[in-house]
Amino acid sequence: MTDQHTPTQFIIITGLSGSGKSGTIKCFEDLGFFCVDNLPAKLIPTFVQLCTKKGEEISRVALIVDIRERDFLQEFPGIYQELKEQGYSFQILFLEASDDVLVRRFSETRRPHPLAFDRPVTQGIAEERNRLMPIRELSDIIIDTSTINIHELREHINKLFSPASTTTKPLVLSIISFGYKHGIPFNSDIILDVRFLPNPFFREDLKNYTGLDPRVKEYVFSTEDSRVFMNKLQDMVIFLLPRYLREGKTYLTISIGCTGGKHRSVAIADFLESFLREQGYQVRCKHRDIQKE
């Protein structure tokens, strides 16, 4: 490996077809990365040597490698481990999405799934998800793009890979409020069930408002159980997050659920977002089901 003072940063972008890899690499281009799409796995070592050649170093590189390349699944894990052992700075960014979202995206673009040219797209998605599992397990960062648009994805990438701010901690937190009747968010790391809290749905003067309304918040936080829970929640995240950082985790999704995803989970998620920002963390909060019936 080259003896350059600042090692080249390599980001491997991979994941499920239709999960947003093409949009993601454009985000890296905007951040000044040298980007290559669909590089054959067997060429990665040669490419790395060229990028780190003394006197001609490229400081930041992003590569898309995925199932379109025939030998990717067989060759990439071994090549990746060997390069890591040689001391190169590599991270794997894995993109995924729920099956129904992927089906919709393929339907909208009218493009066949790379593993299902002559089969239903659902079969191709299932096969690819299974075949990519070993790559997913190697990944440093996993982003579920099911509920985010390209602008939110860009925000994610910027927070993760822009030059680190000296005032924020290098762990990006995503908080999602949701309703259990609409299903659990696909890529949750921590799930909190807050259905034991007072439910504004049964109050005629509150049911048509959301957990962002001060009156709903006051009602949700009004009981002793609520206050004890909030204190324990603060203590828990203060305890856990530094330990996730210590283990090298850079992205964490906390999902907070109530029955419908409109009142209690929204109020708690909003509270937690404010608290974590005060602690110096980068936080994105999304109320997934707030407009659903």
Protein backbone atom coordinates (compact mmCIF):
# COMPACT_ATOMS: atom_id res chain seq x y z
CA MET A 1 0.00 0.00 0.00
CA THR A 2 1.14 3.55 -0.70
CA ASP A 3 2.72 5.46 2.16
CA GLN A 4 0.76 8.66 1.48
CA HIS A 5 -0.05 10.72 4.56
CA THR A 6 -3.82 10.83 4.03
CA PRO A 7 -5.13 7.51 2.64
CA THR A 8 -7.59 7.50 -0.22
CA GLN A 9 -11.17 7.06 0.97
CA PHE A 10 -13.02 4.37 -0.96
CA ILE A 11 -16.82 4.02 -0.72
CA ILE A 12 -18.40 0.91 -2.24
CA ILE A 13 -22.05 1.55 -3.13
CA THR A 14 -24.07 -1.61 -3.53
CA GLY A 15 -27.47 -3.06 -2.68
CA LEU A 16 -30.77 -4.07 -4.22
CA SER A 17 -31.70 -3.14 -7.75
CA GLY A 18 -34.10 -0.20 -7.65
CA SER A 19 -32.96 0.98 -4.22
CA GLY A 20 -31.38 4.21 -5.47
CA LYS A 21 -27.73 3.49 -6.24
CA SER A 22 -27.66 5.71 -9.35
CA GLY A 23 -29.08 8.66 -7.42
CA THR A 24 -26.65 8.00 -4.59
CA ILE A 25 -23.54 8.12 -6.75
CA LYS A 26 -24.67 11.50 -8.09
CA CYS A 27 -24.69 12.72 -4.49
CA PHE A 28 -21.08 11.57 -4.14
CA GLU A 29 -20.14 13.34 -7.38
CA ASP A 30 -21.53 16.55 -5.91
CA LEU A 31 -19.33 16.03 -2.84
CA GLY A 32 -16.24 15.86 -5.04
CA PHE A 33 -15.74 12.09 -5.13
CA PHE A 34 -14.27 10.43 -8.22
CA CYS A 35 -17.11 8.07 -9.18
CA VAL A 36 -17.28 4.89 -11.25
CA ASP A 37 -20.44 2.89 -11.96
CA ASN A 38 -20.49 -0.90 -12.39
CA LEU A 39 -16.76 -1.59 -12.14
CA PRO A 40 -16.08 -5.34 -12.47
CA ALA A 41 -15.03 -6.75 -9.10
CA LYS A 42 -11.86 -8.34 -10.49
CA LEU A 43 -10.65 -4.87 -11.64
CA ILE A 44 -11.02 -3.24 -8.20
CA PRO A 45 -7.46 -4.08 -6.96
CA THR A 46 -5.92 -2.60 -10.13
CA PHE A 47 -8.17 0.44 -9.88
CA VAL A 48 -7.18 0.92 -6.22
CA GLN A 49 -3.50 0.84 -7.13
CA LEU A 50 -4.02 3.48 -9.81
CA CYS A 51 -5.95 5.72 -7.42
CA THR A 52 -3.25 5.50 -4.74
CA LYS A 53 -0.19 5.75 -6.98
CA LYS A 54 2.30 8.07 -5.32
CA GLY A 55 2.13 11.55 -6.73
CA GLU A 56 -1.19 10.89 -8.48
CA GLU A 57 -3.44 10.06 -5.53
CA ILE A 58 -7.18 10.56 -5.75
CA SER A 59 -8.37 11.47 -2.27
CA ARG A 60 -11.99 10.25 -2.39
CA VAL A 61 -13.50 7.54 -4.59
CA ALA A 62 -17.00 6.06 -4.84
CA LEU A 63 -17.75 2.87 -6.78
CA ILE A 64 -21.00 1.14 -7.64
CA VAL A 65 -20.60 -2.62 -7.73
CA ASP A 66 -23.69 -4.77 -7.86
CA ILE A 67 -25.42 -7.82 -9.24
CA ARG A 68 -25.31 -6.52 -12.83
CA GLU A 69 -21.66 -7.66 -12.88
CA ARG A 70 -21.71 -11.41 -13.36
CA ASP A 71 -18.92 -12.40 -10.98
CA PHE A 72 -19.66 -9.79 -8.30
CA LEU A 73 -21.14 -12.14 -5.68
CA GLN A 74 -18.38 -14.72 -6.00
CA GLU A 75 -15.37 -12.41 -6.21
CA PHE A 76 -16.16 -9.24 -4.29
CA PRO A 77 -16.11 -10.50 -0.64
CA GLY A 78 -12.62 -11.97 -0.97
CA ILE A 79 -11.26 -8.94 -2.84
CA TYR A 80 -12.77 -6.58 -0.28
CA GLN A 81 -11.31 -8.45 2.71
CA GLU A 82 -7.88 -8.60 1.09
CA LEU A 83 -7.84 -4.85 0.40
CA LYS A 84 -8.97 -4.11 3.95
CA GLU A 85 -6.17 -6.30 5.32
CA GLN A 86 -3.69 -4.36 3.19
CA GLY A 87 -4.75 -1.20 5.03
CA TYR A 88 -6.86 0.58 2.44
CA SER A 89 -9.69 2.76 3.73
CA PHE A 90 -12.90 1.10 2.54
CA GLN A 91 -16.54 1.41 3.55
CA ILE A 92 -19.52 -0.42 2.08
CA LEU A 93 -22.77 1.54 1.73
CA PHE A 94 -25.67 -0.87 1.18
CA LEU A 95 -29.01 0.41 -0.14
CA GLU A 96 -32.26 -1.49 0.20
CA ALA A 97 -36.02 -0.94 0.17
CA SER A 98 -39.18 -2.91 0.92
CA ASP A 99 -40.54 -5.31 -1.71
CA ASP A 100 -43.66 -3.29 -2.46
CA VAL A 101 -41.62 -0.11 -3.02
CA LEU A 102 -39.21 -1.91 -5.33
CA VAL A 103 -42.08 -3.43 -7.32
CA ARG A 104 -43.62 0.03 -7.72
CA ARG A 105 -40.33 1.55 -8.87
CA PHE A 106 -39.79 -1.14 -11.50
CA SER A 107 -43.38 -0.67 -12.64
CA GLU A 108 -42.93 3.09 -12.96
CA THR A 109 -39.68 2.83 -14.93
CA ARG A 110 -40.92 -0.16 -17.00
CA ARG A 111 -37.50 -1.73 -16.70
CA PRO A 112 -37.04 -5.46 -16.04
CA HIS A 113 -35.35 -6.67 -12.89
CA PRO A 114 -31.81 -7.88 -13.75
CA LEU A 115 -32.61 -11.32 -12.29
CA ALA A 116 -36.14 -11.56 -13.70
CA PHE A 117 -36.21 -10.75 -17.40
CA ASP A 118 -38.73 -13.53 -18.03
CA ARG A 119 -40.23 -13.86 -14.54
CA PRO A 120 -42.35 -11.74 -12.18
CA VAL A 121 -40.31 -8.91 -10.68
CA THR A 122 -41.17 -10.17 -7.17
CA GLN A 123 -39.19 -13.35 -7.83
CA GLY A 124 -36.17 -11.36 -8.96
CA ILE A 125 -36.32 -9.16 -5.85
CA ALA A 126 -36.56 -12.17 -3.53
CA GLU A 127 -33.64 -13.92 -5.23
CA GLU A 128 -31.46 -10.80 -5.21
CA ARG A 129 -32.22 -10.07 -1.56
CA ASN A 130 -31.18 -13.60 -0.63
CA ARG A 131 -28.04 -13.60 -2.77
CA LEU A 132 -26.89 -10.21 -1.46
CA MET A 133 -27.22 -11.17 2.20
CA PRO A 134 -23.46 -11.93 2.62
CA ILE A 135 -22.62 -8.52 1.13
CA ARG A 136 -25.15 -6.83 3.40
CA GLU A 137 -23.50 -8.42 6.43
CA LEU A 138 -20.16 -6.92 5.38
CA SER A 139 -21.65 -3.43 5.06
CA ASP A 140 -20.68 -0.51 7.27
CA ILE A 141 -23.79 1.57 6.53
CA ILE A 142 -27.25 0.37 5.49
CA ILE A 143 -29.86 2.82 4.23
CA ASP A 144 -33.48 1.87 3.62
CA THR A 145 -34.78 4.16 0.88
CA SER A 146 -38.41 2.98 1.09
CA THR A 147 -39.75 6.15 2.68
CA ILE A 148 -37.25 8.80 1.56
CA ASN A 149 -37.03 10.83 -1.63
CA ILE A 150 -33.89 11.83 -3.52
CA HIS A 151 -33.59 15.10 -1.59
CA GLU A 152 -33.71 13.28 1.76
CA LEU A 153 -31.22 10.72 0.44
CA ARG A 154 -28.88 13.53 -0.56
CA GLU A 155 -29.18 14.95 2.96
CA HIS A 156 -28.24 11.54 4.38
CA ILE A 157 -25.19 11.24 2.14
CA ASN A 158 -24.06 14.78 2.88
CA LYS A 159 -24.27 14.21 6.63
CA LEU A 160 -22.42 10.92 6.43
CA PHE A 161 -19.65 11.83 4.00
CA SER A 162 -19.16 15.59 4.03
CA PRO A 163 -16.12 16.76 6.02
CA ALA A 164 -17.05 16.11 9.64
CA SER A 165 -18.29 19.04 11.66
CA THR A 166 -16.40 19.72 14.87
CA THR A 167 -19.66 20.44 16.70
CA THR A 168 -21.58 17.26 15.86
CA LYS A 169 -20.99 13.59 16.66
CA PRO A 170 -20.29 11.23 13.70
CA LEU A 171 -23.44 9.15 14.27
CA VAL A 172 -26.41 10.04 12.09
CA LEU A 173 -29.74 9.21 13.74
CA SER A 174 -32.99 8.60 11.92
CA ILE A 175 -36.15 8.70 14.03
CA ILE A 176 -39.36 7.34 12.51
CA SER A 177 -42.81 7.53 14.08
CA PHE A 178 -45.18 4.87 12.76
CA GLY A 179 -48.47 3.07 13.34
CA TYR A 180 -48.43 -0.64 14.05
CA LYS A 181 -51.54 -1.10 11.93
CA HIS A 182 -49.49 0.11 8.93
CA GLY A 183 -46.51 -2.16 9.63
CA ILE A 184 -43.10 -1.78 11.28
CA PRO A 185 -40.48 0.29 9.35
CA PHE A 186 -38.34 -2.07 7.33
CA ASN A 187 -34.88 -1.13 8.54
CA SER A 188 -35.35 -0.34 12.24
CA ASP A 189 -32.40 -0.80 14.61
CA ILE A 190 -34.38 0.05 17.77
CA ILE A 191 -38.19 -0.20 18.06
CA LEU A 192 -40.10 1.47 20.89
CA ASP A 193 -43.75 0.62 21.49
CA VAL A 194 -45.55 3.56 23.13
CA ARG A 195 -49.10 2.19 22.99
CA PHE A 196 -49.21 2.21 26.81
CA LEU A 197 -49.33 6.02 26.86
CA PRO A 198 -52.63 7.98 27.03
CA ASN A 199 -54.31 7.84 23.61
CA PRO A 200 -55.63 11.18 22.27
CA PHE A 201 -57.67 9.29 19.68
CA PHE A 202 -60.34 8.71 22.31
CA ARG A 203 -60.64 12.40 23.08
CA GLU A 204 -63.09 14.12 20.73
CA ASP A 205 -61.31 17.46 21.24
CA LEU A 206 -57.92 15.95 20.31
CA LYS A 207 -58.41 13.05 17.89
CA ASN A 208 -58.32 15.23 14.75
CA TYR A 209 -54.98 16.79 15.68
CA THR A 210 -51.52 15.18 15.53
CA GLY A 211 -48.73 14.63 18.00
CA LEU A 212 -47.11 17.85 16.80
CA ASP A 213 -49.93 19.90 18.30
CA PRO A 214 -49.12 21.33 21.77
CA ARG A 215 -52.51 20.18 23.14
CA VAL A 216 -51.88 16.59 22.07
CA LYS A 217 -48.35 16.67 23.49
CA GLU A 218 -49.62 17.98 26.80
CA TYR A 219 -52.14 15.16 27.02
CA VAL A 220 -49.61 12.44 26.05
CA PHE A 221 -47.09 13.72 28.60
CA SER A 222 -49.64 14.32 31.34
CA THR A 223 -49.38 11.10 33.36
CA GLU A 224 -46.75 9.91 35.80
CA ASP A 225 -46.08 6.90 33.55
CA SER A 226 -45.36 9.27 30.66
CA ARG A 227 -42.90 11.34 32.67
CA VAL A 228 -41.09 8.27 34.01
CA PHE A 229 -40.89 6.83 30.50
CA MET A 230 -39.42 10.03 29.05
CA ASN A 231 -36.74 10.14 31.74
CA LYS A 232 -35.84 6.51 31.16
CA LEU A 233 -35.81 7.06 27.39
CA GLN A 234 -33.33 9.90 27.78
CA ASP A 235 -31.16 7.77 30.05
CA MET A 236 -31.28 4.87 27.60
CA VAL A 237 -30.16 6.83 24.53
CA ILE A 238 -27.44 8.64 26.51
CA PHE A 239 -26.15 5.20 27.56
CA LEU A 240 -26.50 3.46 24.17
CA LEU A 241 -25.37 5.97 21.57
CA PRO A 242 -21.74 6.38 22.72
CA ARG A 243 -21.44 2.61 22.72
CA TYR A 244 -22.75 2.38 19.16
CA LEU A 245 -20.15 5.00 18.23
CA ARG A 246 -17.45 2.99 19.96
CA GLU A 247 -18.35 -0.02 17.83
CA GLY A 248 -17.97 2.08 14.67
CA LYS A 249 -21.66 2.47 13.86
CA THR A 250 -22.33 5.60 11.81
CA TYR A 251 -26.08 5.33 11.16
CA LEU A 252 -28.90 4.29 13.50
CA THR A 253 -32.67 4.15 12.99
CA ILE A 254 -34.97 4.45 16.02
CA SER A 255 -38.61 3.64 15.23
CA ILE A 256 -41.36 4.66 17.65
CA GLY A 257 -44.79 3.11 17.22
CA CYS A 258 -48.33 3.57 18.45
CA THR A 259 -51.57 2.18 17.03
CA GLY A 260 -52.16 4.57 14.14
CA GLY A 261 -48.94 6.56 13.99
CA LYS A 262 -50.64 9.93 14.34
CA HIS A 263 -50.58 10.93 18.04
CA ARG A 264 -48.40 9.25 20.67
CA SER A 265 -45.53 8.05 18.48
CA VAL A 266 -45.34 11.45 16.79
CA ALA A 267 -45.18 13.31 20.10
CA ILE A 268 -42.45 11.02 21.47
CA ALA A 269 -40.44 11.11 18.23
CA ASP A 270 -40.59 14.90 18.17
CA PHE A 271 -39.43 15.07 21.79
CA LEU A 272 -36.59 12.62 21.16
CA GLU A 273 -35.44 14.53 18.07
CA SER A 274 -35.13 17.78 20.07
CA PHE A 275 -33.35 16.05 22.93
CA LEU A 276 -30.78 14.36 20.67
CA ARG A 277 -30.06 17.55 18.76
CA GLU A 278 -29.31 19.20 22.10
CA GLN A 279 -26.82 16.38 22.74
CA GLY A 280 -24.97 17.24 19.52
CA TYR A 281 -26.20 14.44 17.26
CA GLN A 282 -27.24 14.73 13.63
CA VAL A 283 -30.92 13.77 13.57
CA ARG A 284 -33.53 13.28 10.88
CA CYS A 285 -37.13 12.75 12.02
CA LYS A 286 -39.89 11.40 9.76
CA HIS A 287 -43.52 10.89 10.75
CA ARG A 288 -44.33 8.10 8.34
CA ASP A 289 -48.04 7.59 9.02
CA ILE A 290 -49.12 10.96 10.35
CA GLN A 291 -51.50 11.60 7.44
CA LYS A 292 -52.94 8.09 7.23
CA GLU A 293 -56.34 7.07 8.54
